[in-house]
Structure formats: C-alpha cells, structure tokens
Amino acid sequence: MAHHSPIRWYNPKLADFEWRKVPQTDEEASELLDGYPGCEPYAVVFREWRNLGASIAVALIQAGEAAKEERDDASDC
C-alpha cells in the first residue's frame, strides 16, 4: 500500500522531528539515513523493517525512533 500523505519522523541528521513526504524508493529513504557519523545502525533498522514487509514510511519512522531512543539514552548519562 502506498503512503501518500506526509509522515512525521525523527530525522537523525537534524536530531529533531520533521514532516516529510514519504520517499518513493528504498534508495531515496536510505539517503535520508546516510552520510553522517553513526548512521549505519539506523540504516540497518530501516532495512530490517523493509525485509519484514513494512512500508517505506513505517520503516523510516522505526529507524528514526531507534535514533531518537539512542539519543535519549545517551543524554540520560
């Protein structure tokens, strides 16, 4: 099922939530999770959710949640 409305997700590059149009391809979504130090774990989360059959939107949201959770855990120290 295609997801046409914007999603609100935690963007690890921005370290904040944003509204974004859902990428059309896995490659476009992966570009949102690449290119900065420490990005690989979130790309792995994205790929795992896609392999389980999740939509791009759901997989991207889950990757963002993993990033936010890690950031929150680090700030608790």
PDB file of N, CA and C in Angstrom:
ATOM      1  N   MET A   1       0.834  -1.171   0.000  1.00  0.00           N
ATOM      2  CA  MET A   1       0.000   0.000   0.000  1.00  0.00           C
ATOM      3  C   MET A   1       0.889   1.249   0.000  1.00  0.00           C
ATOM      4  N   ALA A   2       0.664   2.145  -0.905  1.00  0.00           N
ATOM      5  CA  ALA A   2       1.445   3.369  -0.998  1.00  0.00           C
ATOM      6  C   ALA A   2       1.009   4.334   0.096  1.00  0.00           C
ATOM      7  N   HIS A   3       1.944   5.108   0.546  1.00  0.00           N
ATOM      8  CA  HIS A   3       1.683   6.093   1.592  1.00  0.00           C
ATOM      9  C   HIS A   3       1.859   7.463   0.956  1.00  0.00           C
ATOM     10  N   HIS A   4       0.764   8.200   0.775  1.00  0.00           N
ATOM     11  CA  HIS A   4       0.828   9.449   0.033  1.00  0.00           C
ATOM     12  C   HIS A   4       0.883  10.694   0.902  1.00  0.00           C
ATOM     13  N   SER A   5       0.438  10.625   2.130  1.00  0.00           N
ATOM     14  CA  SER A   5       0.457  11.815   2.966  1.00  0.00           C
ATOM     15  C   SER A   5       1.815  11.923   3.664  1.00  0.00           C
ATOM     16  N   PRO A   6       2.173  13.125   4.095  1.00  0.00           N
ATOM     17  CA  PRO A   6       3.454  13.302   4.783  1.00  0.00           C
ATOM     18  C   PRO A   6       3.491  12.514   6.095  1.00  0.00           C
ATOM     19  N   ILE A   7       4.683  12.170   6.494  1.00  0.00           N
ATOM     20  CA  ILE A   7       4.884  11.497   7.776  1.00  0.00           C
ATOM     21  C   ILE A   7       5.677  12.439   8.688  1.00  0.00           C
ATOM     22  N   ARG A   8       5.478  12.261   9.961  1.00  0.00           N
ATOM     23  CA  ARG A   8       6.302  12.964  10.952  1.00  0.00           C
ATOM     24  C   ARG A   8       7.255  11.911  11.495  1.00  0.00           C
ATOM     25  N   TRP A   9       8.525  12.163  11.349  1.00  0.00           N
ATOM     26  CA  TRP A   9       9.518  11.193  11.802  1.00  0.00           C
ATOM     27  C   TRP A   9      10.684  11.929  12.448  1.00  0.00           C
ATOM     28  N   TYR A  10      11.446  11.204  13.236  1.00  0.00           N
ATOM     29  CA  TYR A  10      12.643  11.763  13.857  1.00  0.00           C
ATOM     30  C   TYR A  10      13.779  11.608  12.859  1.00  0.00           C
ATOM     31  N   ASN A  11      14.297  12.733  12.383  1.00  0.00           N
ATOM     32  CA  ASN A  11      15.388  12.717  11.427  1.00  0.00           C
ATOM     33  C   ASN A  11      16.700  12.764  12.201  1.00  0.00           C
ATOM     34  N   PRO A  12      17.483  11.670  12.170  1.00  0.00           N
ATOM     35  CA  PRO A  12      18.723  11.640  12.941  1.00  0.00           C
ATOM     36  C   PRO A  12      19.739  12.691  12.485  1.00  0.00           C
ATOM     37  N   LYS A  13      19.706  13.079  11.215  1.00  0.00           N
ATOM     38  CA  LYS A  13      20.635  14.115  10.742  1.00  0.00           C
ATOM     39  C   LYS A  13      20.332  15.457  11.393  1.00  0.00           C
ATOM     40  N   LEU A  14      19.059  15.751  11.593  1.00  0.00           N
ATOM     41  CA  LEU A  14      18.645  17.016  12.192  1.00  0.00           C
ATOM     42  C   LEU A  14      18.590  16.937  13.713  1.00  0.00           C
ATOM     43  N   ALA A  15      18.548  15.712  14.241  1.00  0.00           N
ATOM     44  CA  ALA A  15      18.345  15.474  15.675  1.00  0.00           C
ATOM     45  C   ALA A  15      17.048  16.126  16.141  1.00  0.00           C
ATOM     46  N   ASP A  16      16.019  16.005  15.291  1.00  0.00           N
ATOM     47  CA  ASP A  16      14.719  16.588  15.598  1.00  0.00           C
ATOM     48  C   ASP A  16      13.660  15.946  14.693  1.00  0.00           C
ATOM     49  N   PHE A  17      12.408  16.155  15.074  1.00  0.00           N
ATOM     50  CA  PHE A  17      11.306  15.659  14.251  1.00  0.00           C
ATOM     51  C   PHE A  17      11.072  16.595  13.071  1.00  0.00           C
ATOM     52  N   GLU A  18      10.579  16.033  11.988  1.00  0.00           N
ATOM     53  CA  GLU A  18      10.205  16.820  10.824  1.00  0.00           C
ATOM     54  C   GLU A  18       9.059  16.137  10.095  1.00  0.00           C
ATOM     55  N   TRP A  19       8.316  16.930   9.348  1.00  0.00           N
ATOM     56  CA  TRP A  19       7.306  16.403   8.435  1.00  0.00           C
ATOM     57  C   TRP A  19       7.985  16.224   7.089  1.00  0.00           C
ATOM     58  N   ARG A  20       7.722  15.101   6.434  1.00  0.00           N
ATOM     59  CA  ARG A  20       8.381  14.808   5.176  1.00  0.00           C
ATOM     60  C   ARG A  20       7.470  13.970   4.293  1.00  0.00           C
ATOM     61  N   LYS A  21       7.529  14.251   3.017  1.00  0.00           N
ATOM     62  CA  LYS A  21       6.869  13.395   2.037  1.00  0.00           C
ATOM     63  C   LYS A  21       7.579  12.044   2.053  1.00  0.00           C
ATOM     64  N   VAL A  22       6.821  10.974   1.981  1.00  0.00           N
ATOM     65  CA  VAL A  22       7.411   9.634   2.014  1.00  0.00           C
ATOM     66  C   VAL A  22       8.216   9.407   0.742  1.00  0.00           C
ATOM     67  N   PRO A  23       9.470   8.979   0.879  1.00  0.00           N
ATOM     68  CA  PRO A  23      10.267   8.668  -0.304  1.00  0.00           C
ATOM     69  C   PRO A  23       9.589   7.581  -1.147  1.00  0.00           C
ATOM     70  N   GLN A  24       9.801   7.649  -2.438  1.00  0.00           N
ATOM     71  CA  GLN A  24       9.185   6.690  -3.358  1.00  0.00           C
ATOM     72  C   GLN A  24       9.933   5.360  -3.413  1.00  0.00           C
ATOM     73  N   THR A  25      11.231   5.371  -3.102  1.00  0.00           N
ATOM     74  CA  THR A  25      12.038   4.156  -3.212  1.00  0.00           C
ATOM     75  C   THR A  25      12.860   3.944  -1.944  1.00  0.00           C
ATOM     76  N   ASP A  26      13.329   2.723  -1.786  1.00  0.00           N
ATOM     77  CA  ASP A  26      14.221   2.411  -0.667  1.00  0.00           C
ATOM     78  C   ASP A  26      15.511   3.226  -0.768  1.00  0.00           C
ATOM     79  N   GLU A  27      15.983   3.445  -1.981  1.00  0.00           N
ATOM     80  CA  GLU A  27      17.216   4.203  -2.171  1.00  0.00           C
ATOM     81  C   GLU A  27      17.042   5.646  -1.680  1.00  0.00           C
ATOM     82  N   GLU A  28      15.913   6.271  -2.017  1.00  0.00           N
ATOM     83  CA  GLU A  28      15.650   7.626  -1.547  1.00  0.00           C
ATOM     84  C   GLU A  28      15.568   7.671  -0.027  1.00  0.00           C
ATOM     85  N   ALA A  29      14.919   6.691   0.564  1.00  0.00           N
ATOM     86  CA  ALA A  29      14.814   6.637   2.019  1.00  0.00           C
ATOM     87  C   ALA A  29      16.183   6.424   2.651  1.00  0.00           C
ATOM     88  N   SER A  30      16.976   5.555   2.067  1.00  0.00           N
ATOM     89  CA  SER A  30      18.309   5.281   2.608  1.00  0.00           C
ATOM     90  C   SER A  30      19.186   6.527   2.583  1.00  0.00           C
ATOM     91  N   GLU A  31      19.003   7.377   1.577  1.00  0.00           N
ATOM     92  CA  GLU A  31      19.781   8.614   1.506  1.00  0.00           C
ATOM     93  C   GLU A  31      19.505   9.516   2.712  1.00  0.00           C
ATOM     94  N   LEU A  32      18.304   9.422   3.257  1.00  0.00           N
ATOM     95  CA  LEU A  32      17.976  10.222   4.444  1.00  0.00           C
ATOM     96  C   LEU A  32      18.722   9.731   5.678  1.00  0.00           C
ATOM     97  N   LEU A  33      19.151   8.476   5.636  1.00  0.00           N
ATOM     98  CA  LEU A  33      19.793   7.863   6.795  1.00  0.00           C
ATOM     99  C   LEU A  33      21.296   7.692   6.619  1.00  0.00           C
ATOM    100  N   ASP A  34      21.847   8.185   5.518  1.00  0.00           N
ATOM    101  CA  ASP A  34      23.270   8.023   5.222  1.00  0.00           C
ATOM    102  C   ASP A  34      23.996   9.363   5.277  1.00  0.00           C
ATOM    103  N   GLY A  35      25.311   9.275   5.398  1.00  0.00           N
ATOM    104  CA  GLY A  35      26.135  10.453   5.207  1.00  0.00           C
ATOM    105  C   GLY A  35      26.524  11.220   6.451  1.00  0.00           C
ATOM    106  N   TYR A  36      26.435  10.616   7.607  1.00  0.00           N
ATOM    107  CA  TYR A  36      26.887  11.290   8.813  1.00  0.00           C
ATOM    108  C   TYR A  36      27.407  10.228   9.777  1.00  0.00           C
ATOM    109  N   PRO A  37      28.276  10.610  10.699  1.00  0.00           N
ATOM    110  CA  PRO A  37      28.850   9.635  11.638  1.00  0.00           C
ATOM    111  C   PRO A  37      27.767   8.940  12.455  1.00  0.00           C
ATOM    112  N   GLY A  38      27.871   7.636  12.559  1.00  0.00           N
ATOM    113  CA  GLY A  38      26.946   6.864  13.374  1.00  0.00           C
ATOM    114  C   GLY A  38      25.643   6.512  12.702  1.00  0.00           C
ATOM    115  N   CYS A  39      25.535   6.693  11.401  1.00  0.00           N
ATOM    116  CA  CYS A  39      24.265   6.479  10.706  1.00  0.00           C
ATOM    117  C   CYS A  39      23.950   5.011  10.423  1.00  0.00           C
ATOM    118  N   GLU A  40      24.945   4.166  10.376  1.00  0.00           N
ATOM    119  CA  GLU A  40      24.722   2.785   9.932  1.00  0.00           C
ATOM    120  C   GLU A  40      23.668   2.022  10.744  1.00  0.00           C
ATOM    121  N   PRO A  41      23.637   2.127  12.082  1.00  0.00           N
ATOM    122  CA  PRO A  41      22.618   1.368  12.816  1.00  0.00           C
ATOM    123  C   PRO A  41      21.185   1.707  12.385  1.00  0.00           C
ATOM    124  N   TYR A  42      20.931   2.947  12.003  1.00  0.00           N
ATOM    125  CA  TYR A  42      19.584   3.348  11.618  1.00  0.00           C
ATOM    126  C   TYR A  42      19.246   2.842  10.219  1.00  0.00           C
ATOM    127  N   ALA A  43      20.242   2.793   9.360  1.00  0.00           N
ATOM    128  CA  ALA A  43      20.043   2.206   8.033  1.00  0.00           C
ATOM    129  C   ALA A  43      19.743   0.717   8.166  1.00  0.00           C
ATOM    130  N   VAL A  44      20.388   0.065   9.124  1.00  0.00           N
ATOM    131  CA  VAL A  44      20.130  -1.361   9.367  1.00  0.00           C
ATOM    132  C   VAL A  44      18.694  -1.559   9.853  1.00  0.00           C
ATOM    133  N   VAL A  45      18.246  -0.704  10.773  1.00  0.00           N
ATOM    134  CA  VAL A  45      16.862  -0.787  11.261  1.00  0.00           C
ATOM    135  C   VAL A  45      15.895  -0.627  10.096  1.00  0.00           C
ATOM    136  N   PHE A  46      16.150   0.349   9.234  1.00  0.00           N
ATOM    137  CA  PHE A  46      15.300   0.566   8.064  1.00  0.00           C
ATOM    138  C   PHE A  46      15.232  -0.705   7.213  1.00  0.00           C
ATOM    139  N   ARG A  47      16.390  -1.259   6.886  1.00  0.00           N
ATOM    140  CA  ARG A  47      16.419  -2.469   6.032  1.00  0.00           C
ATOM    141  C   ARG A  47      15.725  -3.647   6.705  1.00  0.00           C
ATOM    142  N   GLU A  48      15.902  -3.802   8.010  1.00  0.00           N
ATOM    143  CA  GLU A  48      15.247  -4.908   8.718  1.00  0.00           C
ATOM    144  C   GLU A  48      13.727  -4.798   8.623  1.00  0.00           C
ATOM    145  N   TRP A  49      13.192  -3.597   8.847  1.00  0.00           N
ATOM    146  CA  TRP A  49      11.745  -3.412   8.764  1.00  0.00           C
ATOM    147  C   TRP A  49      11.237  -3.643   7.345  1.00  0.00           C
ATOM    148  N   ARG A  50      12.004  -3.189   6.344  1.00  0.00           N
ATOM    149  CA  ARG A  50      11.593  -3.420   4.949  1.00  0.00           C
ATOM    150  C   ARG A  50      11.603  -4.915   4.644  1.00  0.00           C
ATOM    151  N   ASN A  51      12.610  -5.625   5.150  1.00  0.00           N
ATOM    152  CA  ASN A  51      12.678  -7.074   4.930  1.00  0.00           C
ATOM    153  C   ASN A  51      11.516  -7.811   5.581  1.00  0.00           C
ATOM    154  N   LEU A  52      10.959  -7.223   6.628  1.00  0.00           N
ATOM    155  CA  LEU A  52       9.792  -7.817   7.294  1.00  0.00           C
ATOM    156  C   LEU A  52       8.482  -7.488   6.563  1.00  0.00           C
ATOM    157  N   GLY A  53       8.574  -6.651   5.533  1.00  0.00           N
ATOM    158  CA  GLY A  53       7.391  -6.322   4.753  1.00  0.00           C
ATOM    159  C   GLY A  53       6.760  -4.989   5.095  1.00  0.00           C
ATOM    160  N   ALA A  54       7.408  -4.206   5.949  1.00  0.00           N
ATOM    161  CA  ALA A  54       6.867  -2.890   6.312  1.00  0.00           C
ATOM    162  C   ALA A  54       6.971  -1.940   5.127  1.00  0.00           C
ATOM    163  N   SER A  55       6.081  -0.970   5.093  1.00  0.00           N
ATOM    164  CA  SER A  55       6.148   0.056   4.058  1.00  0.00           C
ATOM    165  C   SER A  55       7.381   0.936   4.289  1.00  0.00           C
ATOM    166  N   ILE A  56       7.737   1.705   3.282  1.00  0.00           N
ATOM    167  CA  ILE A  56       8.855   2.643   3.425  1.00  0.00           C
ATOM    168  C   ILE A  56       8.580   3.613   4.564  1.00  0.00           C
ATOM    169  N   ALA A  57       7.354   4.101   4.660  1.00  0.00           N
ATOM    170  CA  ALA A  57       7.001   5.050   5.715  1.00  0.00           C
ATOM    171  C   ALA A  57       7.220   4.446   7.095  1.00  0.00           C
ATOM    172  N   VAL A  58       6.719   3.259   7.315  1.00  0.00           N
ATOM    173  CA  VAL A  58       6.853   2.610   8.626  1.00  0.00           C
ATOM    174  C   VAL A  58       8.315   2.328   8.935  1.00  0.00           C
ATOM    175  N   ALA A  59       9.059   1.826   7.959  1.00  0.00           N
ATOM    176  CA  ALA A  59      10.476   1.519   8.177  1.00  0.00           C
ATOM    177  C   ALA A  59      11.266   2.781   8.496  1.00  0.00           C
ATOM    178  N   LEU A  60      10.963   3.874   7.832  1.00  0.00           N
ATOM    179  CA  LEU A  60      11.651   5.134   8.087  1.00  0.00           C
ATOM    180  C   LEU A  60      11.320   5.666   9.482  1.00  0.00           C
ATOM    181  N   ILE A  61      10.063   5.578   9.864  1.00  0.00           N
ATOM    182  CA  ILE A  61       9.661   6.002  11.205  1.00  0.00           C
ATOM    183  C   ILE A  61      10.373   5.154  12.263  1.00  0.00           C
ATOM    184  N   GLN A  62      10.450   3.859  12.052  1.00  0.00           N
ATOM    185  CA  GLN A  62      11.126   2.977  13.014  1.00  0.00           C
ATOM    186  C   GLN A  62      12.613   3.285  13.114  1.00  0.00           C
ATOM    187  N   ALA A  63      13.249   3.578  11.991  1.00  0.00           N
ATOM    188  CA  ALA A  63      14.670   3.946  12.011  1.00  0.00           C
ATOM    189  C   ALA A  63      14.852   5.242  12.796  1.00  0.00           C
ATOM    190  N   GLY A  64      13.977   6.197  12.574  1.00  0.00           N
ATOM    191  CA  GLY A  64      14.040   7.447  13.321  1.00  0.00           C
ATOM    192  C   GLY A  64      13.819   7.241  14.806  1.00  0.00           C
ATOM    193  N   GLU A  65      12.879   6.370  15.150  1.00  0.00           N
ATOM    194  CA  GLU A  65      12.625   6.086  16.569  1.00  0.00           C
ATOM    195  C   GLU A  65      13.847   5.449  17.222  1.00  0.00           C
ATOM    196  N   ALA A  66      14.539   4.573  16.495  1.00  0.00           N
ATOM    197  CA  ALA A  66      15.754   3.960  17.035  1.00  0.00           C
ATOM    198  C   ALA A  66      16.811   5.031  17.293  1.00  0.00           C
ATOM    199  N   ALA A  67      16.935   5.989  16.382  1.00  0.00           N
ATOM    200  CA  ALA A  67      17.901   7.076  16.559  1.00  0.00           C
ATOM    201  C   ALA A  67      17.533   7.941  17.758  1.00  0.00           C
ATOM    202  N   LYS A  68      16.260   8.267  17.882  1.00  0.00           N
ATOM    203  CA  LYS A  68      15.814   9.108  18.999  1.00  0.00           C
ATOM    204  C   LYS A  68      16.024   8.396  20.329  1.00  0.00           C
ATOM    205  N   GLU A  69      15.703   7.137  20.358  1.00  0.00           N
ATOM    206  CA  GLU A  69      15.883   6.357  21.585  1.00  0.00           C
ATOM    207  C   GLU A  69      17.357   6.332  22.003  1.00  0.00           C
ATOM    208  N   GLU A  70      18.240   6.132  21.028  1.00  0.00           N
ATOM    209  CA  GLU A  70      19.662   6.123  21.334  1.00  0.00           C
ATOM    210  C   GLU A  70      20.116   7.497  21.831  1.00  0.00           C
ATOM    211  N   ARG A  71      19.640   8.554  21.209  1.00  0.00           N
ATOM    212  CA  ARG A  71      19.997   9.909  21.648  1.00  0.00           C
ATOM    213  C   ARG A  71      19.490  10.171  23.057  1.00  0.00           C
ATOM    214  N   ASP A  72      18.244   9.764  23.333  1.00  0.00           N
ATOM    215  CA  ASP A  72      17.682   9.954  24.666  1.00  0.00           C
ATOM    216  C   ASP A  72      18.440   9.174  25.724  1.00  0.00           C
ATOM    217  N   ASP A  73      18.834   7.940  25.381  1.00  0.00           N
ATOM    218  CA  ASP A  73      19.613   7.128  26.317  1.00  0.00           C
ATOM    219  C   ASP A  73      20.963   7.773  26.606  1.00  0.00           C
ATOM    220  N   ALA A  74      21.594   8.349  25.586  1.00  0.00           N
ATOM    221  CA  ALA A  74      22.888   8.992  25.766  1.00  0.00           C
ATOM    222  C   ALA A  74      22.778  10.244  26.623  1.00  0.00           C
ATOM    223  N   SER A  75      21.666  10.948  26.514  1.00  0.00           N
ATOM    224  CA  SER A  75      21.503  12.179  27.298  1.00  0.00           C
ATOM    225  C   SER A  75      21.165  11.879  28.754  1.00  0.00           C
ATOM    226  N   ASP A  76      20.774  10.648  29.058  1.00  0.00           N
ATOM    227  CA  ASP A  76      20.481  10.266  30.441  1.00  0.00           C
ATOM    228  C   ASP A  76      21.750  10.042  31.257  1.00  0.00           C
ATOM    229  N   CYS A  77      22.875   9.922  30.586  1.00  0.00           N
ATOM    230  CA  CYS A  77      24.140   9.652  31.284  1.00  0.00           C
ATOM    231  C   CYS A  77      24.641  10.843  32.033  1.00  0.00           C
TER     232      CYS A  77
END
